[in-house]
Amino acid sequence: MKGRISNYRRGVHTEYTNQYVVAVDGVKDRKSADGIIGKSVYWSTSTGKKIAGKISKAHGNSGAVLARFERGLPGQAVGTEVEIV
């Protein structure tokens, strides 16, 4: 399953650089987004290195999810694809 990183999880004064909002292909509502909670997420660099994360909860009512990575991703990761297993 594929997804795309939309943005950091953020507030007015804070950015959480290891938590990202991910739009998942084929998921259009909160009910189906709840079905993929707990799955693993992998973002890979251009050199092939993979950084792992986990889907922790749904984000909003349009099917987006919140993914927490073991370490922060670079800013270039926003807008790129991730693999959900």
Protein backbone atom coordinates (compact mmCIF):
# COMPACT_ATOMS: atom_id res chain seq x y z
CA MET A 1 0.00 0.00 0.00
CA LYS A 2 1.33 3.44 -0.90
CA GLY A 3 0.90 6.81 0.77
CA ARG A 4 2.21 10.34 0.48
CA ILE A 5 3.60 12.50 3.29
CA SER A 6 1.46 15.64 3.53
CA ASN A 7 3.12 17.58 6.33
CA TYR A 8 4.61 17.48 9.80
CA ARG A 9 2.31 17.18 12.76
CA ARG A 10 2.36 20.75 14.02
CA GLY A 11 0.70 23.34 16.18
CA VAL A 12 0.90 27.10 16.31
CA HIS A 13 4.28 27.15 18.09
CA THR A 14 5.57 23.58 17.72
CA GLU A 15 6.62 21.14 14.97
CA TYR A 16 6.92 17.44 15.74
CA THR A 17 9.63 16.42 13.31
CA ASN A 18 9.24 12.67 13.85
CA GLN A 19 5.45 12.70 13.34
CA TYR A 20 3.92 13.12 9.89
CA VAL A 21 0.47 13.32 8.38
CA VAL A 22 0.22 10.70 5.60
CA ALA A 23 -2.47 10.59 2.90
CA VAL A 24 -3.01 6.92 2.02
CA ASP A 25 -4.06 5.85 -1.48
CA GLY A 26 -7.54 4.33 -1.50
CA VAL A 27 -8.48 5.51 2.01
CA LYS A 28 -11.17 8.18 1.87
CA ASP A 29 -12.82 8.23 5.32
CA ARG A 30 -11.99 7.90 9.00
CA LYS A 31 -13.50 4.42 9.35
CA SER A 32 -11.19 2.89 6.76
CA ALA A 33 -8.25 4.89 8.17
CA ASP A 34 -8.87 3.27 11.57
CA GLY A 35 -8.35 -0.10 9.88
CA ILE A 36 -4.68 0.52 9.11
CA ILE A 37 -3.64 1.69 12.60
CA GLY A 38 -0.60 -0.24 13.82
CA LYS A 39 0.83 -1.00 10.38
CA SER A 40 4.46 -0.21 9.60
CA VAL A 41 5.51 2.70 7.39
CA TYR A 42 8.82 2.89 5.50
CA TRP A 43 10.36 5.94 3.88
CA SER A 44 13.41 5.30 1.72
CA THR A 45 16.18 7.68 0.69
CA SER A 46 17.58 7.93 -2.81
CA THR A 47 20.50 5.72 -1.71
CA GLY A 48 18.17 2.97 -0.49
CA LYS A 49 18.32 3.55 3.27
CA LYS A 50 14.94 2.94 4.96
CA ILE A 51 13.57 4.75 7.99
CA ALA A 52 10.77 2.90 9.75
CA GLY A 53 7.69 4.22 11.47
CA LYS A 54 4.26 3.15 12.65
CA ILE A 55 0.75 4.44 12.02
CA SER A 56 -0.59 5.63 15.36
CA LYS A 57 -4.02 7.17 14.70
CA ALA A 58 -6.37 8.70 12.16
CA HIS A 59 -5.99 12.39 11.37
CA GLY A 60 -9.25 14.14 10.53
CA ASN A 61 -12.22 12.67 8.68
CA SER A 62 -10.76 12.44 5.15
CA GLY A 63 -8.67 9.28 5.54
CA ALA A 64 -5.33 10.80 6.52
CA VAL A 65 -3.31 9.09 9.26
CA LEU A 66 -0.58 10.11 11.69
CA ALA A 67 2.70 8.20 11.37
CA ARG A 68 5.41 8.29 14.04
CA PHE A 69 8.91 7.53 12.84
CA GLU A 70 11.77 6.22 14.97
CA ARG A 71 13.78 9.32 14.07
CA GLY A 72 13.00 12.52 12.25
CA LEU A 73 12.88 12.60 8.47
CA PRO A 74 14.51 15.39 6.46
CA GLY A 75 12.40 18.26 5.19
CA GLN A 76 12.73 16.90 1.64
CA ALA A 77 10.52 13.97 2.72
CA VAL A 78 7.38 16.14 2.64
CA GLY A 79 5.51 15.32 -0.55
CA THR A 80 7.30 12.02 -1.19
CA GLU A 81 5.92 8.49 -1.15
CA VAL A 82 6.00 6.02 1.72
CA GLU A 83 5.31 2.29 1.74
CA ILE A 84 2.76 0.89 4.21
CA VAL A 85 3.14 -2.78 5.11
